[in-house]
Amino acid sequence: MSFHIPTVPAPSGAACCRCKRWTYAPIVVRWIPSASGPGYTLYACPRHAAALNPGPIPGELERGM
């Protein structure tokens, strides 16, 4: 008899840009463009997201905001 063991997806999340702790509920707070490739996104945990001044996020600069 064979059993099928379901695969578990890898946990997703990001490190908070303020406290550096891993969070499973990251909030996008800023997107940093790069001159030599794709930009990168800064994330914050829910605890610190409200205290950070939001910057442009992906897509906002292309719309002229």
N, C-alpha and C. Protein backbone atom coordinates (compact mmCIF):
# COMPACT_ATOMS: atom_id res chain seq x y z
N MET A 1 0.85 -1.16 0.00
CA MET A 1 0.00 0.00 0.00
C MET A 1 0.90 1.24 0.00
N SER A 2 0.62 2.16 -0.89
CA SER A 2 1.44 3.39 -0.92
C SER A 2 0.59 4.58 -0.48
N PHE A 3 1.22 5.47 0.18
CA PHE A 3 0.55 6.67 0.67
C PHE A 3 1.07 7.88 -0.08
N HIS A 4 0.20 8.79 -0.34
CA HIS A 4 0.61 10.05 -0.97
C HIS A 4 0.74 11.10 0.12
N ILE A 5 1.93 11.60 0.29
CA ILE A 5 2.16 12.65 1.29
C ILE A 5 2.13 13.98 0.56
N PRO A 6 1.18 14.86 0.90
CA PRO A 6 1.11 16.14 0.20
C PRO A 6 2.32 17.02 0.52
N THR A 7 2.71 17.78 -0.47
CA THR A 7 3.83 18.70 -0.25
C THR A 7 3.30 19.98 0.40
N VAL A 8 4.08 20.52 1.28
CA VAL A 8 3.73 21.74 1.98
C VAL A 8 4.45 22.89 1.30
N PRO A 9 3.73 23.95 0.94
CA PRO A 9 4.42 25.06 0.29
C PRO A 9 5.40 25.73 1.24
N ALA A 10 6.46 26.25 0.67
CA ALA A 10 7.45 26.96 1.48
C ALA A 10 6.82 28.21 2.08
N PRO A 11 7.15 28.51 3.32
CA PRO A 11 6.58 29.72 3.93
C PRO A 11 7.06 30.95 3.18
N SER A 12 6.17 31.90 3.01
CA SER A 12 6.57 33.12 2.33
C SER A 12 6.47 34.28 3.31
N GLY A 13 7.18 35.31 3.03
CA GLY A 13 7.20 36.47 3.90
C GLY A 13 8.41 37.32 3.54
N ALA A 14 8.78 38.20 4.43
CA ALA A 14 9.92 39.08 4.19
C ALA A 14 10.44 39.61 5.51
N ALA A 15 11.65 40.12 5.49
CA ALA A 15 12.22 40.74 6.68
C ALA A 15 11.76 42.19 6.77
N CYS A 16 11.44 42.62 7.96
CA CYS A 16 11.03 44.01 8.20
C CYS A 16 12.24 44.92 8.04
N CYS A 17 12.07 46.02 7.32
CA CYS A 17 13.19 46.94 7.11
C CYS A 17 13.53 47.73 8.37
N ARG A 18 12.69 47.69 9.36
CA ARG A 18 12.95 48.44 10.60
C ARG A 18 13.54 47.55 11.69
N CYS A 19 12.87 46.46 12.03
CA CYS A 19 13.35 45.60 13.13
C CYS A 19 14.16 44.40 12.63
N LYS A 20 14.18 44.17 11.32
CA LYS A 20 14.93 43.08 10.68
C LYS A 20 14.38 41.69 11.01
N ARG A 21 13.24 41.60 11.65
CA ARG A 21 12.65 40.30 11.96
C ARG A 21 11.82 39.81 10.78
N TRP A 22 11.74 38.50 10.65
CA TRP A 22 10.96 37.89 9.58
C TRP A 22 9.48 38.00 9.93
N THR A 23 8.67 38.38 8.95
CA THR A 23 7.23 38.46 9.15
C THR A 23 6.53 37.68 8.04
N TYR A 24 5.47 37.00 8.40
CA TYR A 24 4.67 36.28 7.41
C TYR A 24 3.53 37.15 6.89
N ALA A 25 3.47 38.40 7.34
CA ALA A 25 2.47 39.36 6.87
C ALA A 25 3.17 40.66 6.46
N PRO A 26 4.08 40.60 5.47
CA PRO A 26 4.83 41.80 5.10
C PRO A 26 3.94 42.84 4.41
N ILE A 27 4.24 44.10 4.67
CA ILE A 27 3.53 45.22 4.05
C ILE A 27 4.54 46.02 3.24
N VAL A 28 4.24 46.26 1.98
CA VAL A 28 5.14 47.02 1.11
C VAL A 28 5.15 48.47 1.58
N VAL A 29 6.34 48.99 1.85
CA VAL A 29 6.43 50.40 2.27
C VAL A 29 7.22 51.26 1.29
N ARG A 30 8.02 50.65 0.46
CA ARG A 30 8.80 51.46 -0.48
C ARG A 30 9.40 50.58 -1.56
N TRP A 31 9.60 51.18 -2.73
CA TRP A 31 10.28 50.50 -3.83
C TRP A 31 11.47 51.35 -4.20
N ILE A 32 12.65 50.75 -4.23
CA ILE A 32 13.89 51.45 -4.54
C ILE A 32 14.30 51.08 -5.96
N PRO A 33 14.30 52.05 -6.88
CA PRO A 33 14.73 51.74 -8.25
C PRO A 33 16.24 51.53 -8.31
N SER A 34 16.68 50.80 -9.30
CA SER A 34 18.10 50.54 -9.50
C SER A 34 18.48 50.95 -10.92
N ALA A 35 19.63 51.56 -11.06
CA ALA A 35 20.08 52.00 -12.38
C ALA A 35 20.60 50.84 -13.22
N SER A 36 21.01 49.75 -12.58
CA SER A 36 21.62 48.66 -13.33
C SER A 36 20.85 47.34 -13.20
N GLY A 37 19.55 47.42 -13.16
CA GLY A 37 18.76 46.21 -13.07
C GLY A 37 17.43 46.50 -12.41
N PRO A 38 16.74 45.44 -12.03
CA PRO A 38 15.45 45.67 -11.38
C PRO A 38 15.63 46.29 -10.00
N GLY A 39 14.65 47.04 -9.59
CA GLY A 39 14.69 47.64 -8.26
C GLY A 39 14.35 46.61 -7.21
N TYR A 40 14.28 47.04 -5.97
CA TYR A 40 13.91 46.12 -4.91
C TYR A 40 12.89 46.76 -4.00
N THR A 41 12.13 45.94 -3.33
CA THR A 41 11.02 46.38 -2.50
C THR A 41 11.39 46.24 -1.03
N LEU A 42 11.07 47.27 -0.25
CA LEU A 42 11.25 47.22 1.19
C LEU A 42 9.92 46.86 1.83
N TYR A 43 9.97 45.97 2.79
CA TYR A 43 8.78 45.51 3.49
C TYR A 43 8.90 45.86 4.98
N ALA A 44 7.77 45.97 5.63
CA ALA A 44 7.73 46.18 7.07
C ALA A 44 6.74 45.21 7.68
N CYS A 45 6.97 44.90 8.95
CA CYS A 45 6.01 44.07 9.67
C CYS A 45 4.81 44.95 10.03
N PRO A 46 3.67 44.37 10.33
CA PRO A 46 2.49 45.19 10.66
C PRO A 46 2.73 46.14 11.83
N ARG A 47 3.58 45.76 12.76
CA ARG A 47 3.86 46.62 13.91
C ARG A 47 4.56 47.92 13.52
N HIS A 48 5.48 47.86 12.56
CA HIS A 48 6.26 49.03 12.19
C HIS A 48 5.77 49.75 10.93
N ALA A 49 4.90 49.15 10.17
CA ALA A 49 4.46 49.74 8.90
C ALA A 49 3.79 51.10 9.09
N ALA A 50 2.99 51.25 10.13
CA ALA A 50 2.28 52.51 10.34
C ALA A 50 3.23 53.65 10.71
N ALA A 51 4.37 53.33 11.30
CA ALA A 51 5.31 54.37 11.73
C ALA A 51 6.23 54.83 10.60
N LEU A 52 6.30 54.10 9.51
CA LEU A 52 7.18 54.45 8.40
C LEU A 52 6.47 55.33 7.39
N ASN A 53 7.18 56.29 6.86
CA ASN A 53 6.62 57.13 5.80
C ASN A 53 6.64 56.31 4.51
N PRO A 54 5.49 56.08 3.92
CA PRO A 54 5.47 55.29 2.69
C PRO A 54 6.11 56.04 1.55
N GLY A 55 6.81 55.31 0.72
CA GLY A 55 7.40 55.89 -0.47
C GLY A 55 6.70 55.31 -1.68
N PRO A 56 7.27 55.50 -2.84
CA PRO A 56 6.63 54.90 -4.01
C PRO A 56 6.72 53.38 -3.93
N ILE A 57 5.69 52.72 -4.37
CA ILE A 57 5.68 51.26 -4.43
C ILE A 57 5.66 50.86 -5.90
N PRO A 58 5.94 49.61 -6.21
CA PRO A 58 6.03 49.21 -7.62
C PRO A 58 4.79 49.63 -8.40
N GLY A 59 5.02 50.25 -9.53
CA GLY A 59 3.92 50.69 -10.39
C GLY A 59 3.56 52.15 -10.24
N GLU A 60 3.82 52.76 -9.11
CA GLU A 60 3.44 54.16 -8.91
C GLU A 60 4.29 55.11 -9.75
N LEU A 61 5.56 54.83 -9.89
CA LEU A 61 6.43 55.72 -10.66
C LEU A 61 6.09 55.69 -12.14
N GLU A 62 5.63 54.55 -12.64
CA GLU A 62 5.28 54.45 -14.05
C GLU A 62 4.00 55.24 -14.37
N ARG A 63 3.14 55.43 -13.37
CA ARG A 63 1.89 56.16 -13.60
C ARG A 63 2.08 57.66 -13.40
N GLY A 64 3.28 58.07 -13.01
CA GLY A 64 3.52 59.50 -12.82
C GLY A 64 3.11 60.05 -11.48
N MET A 65 2.95 59.20 -10.49
CA MET A 65 2.55 59.66 -9.16
C MET A 65 3.74 60.15 -8.39
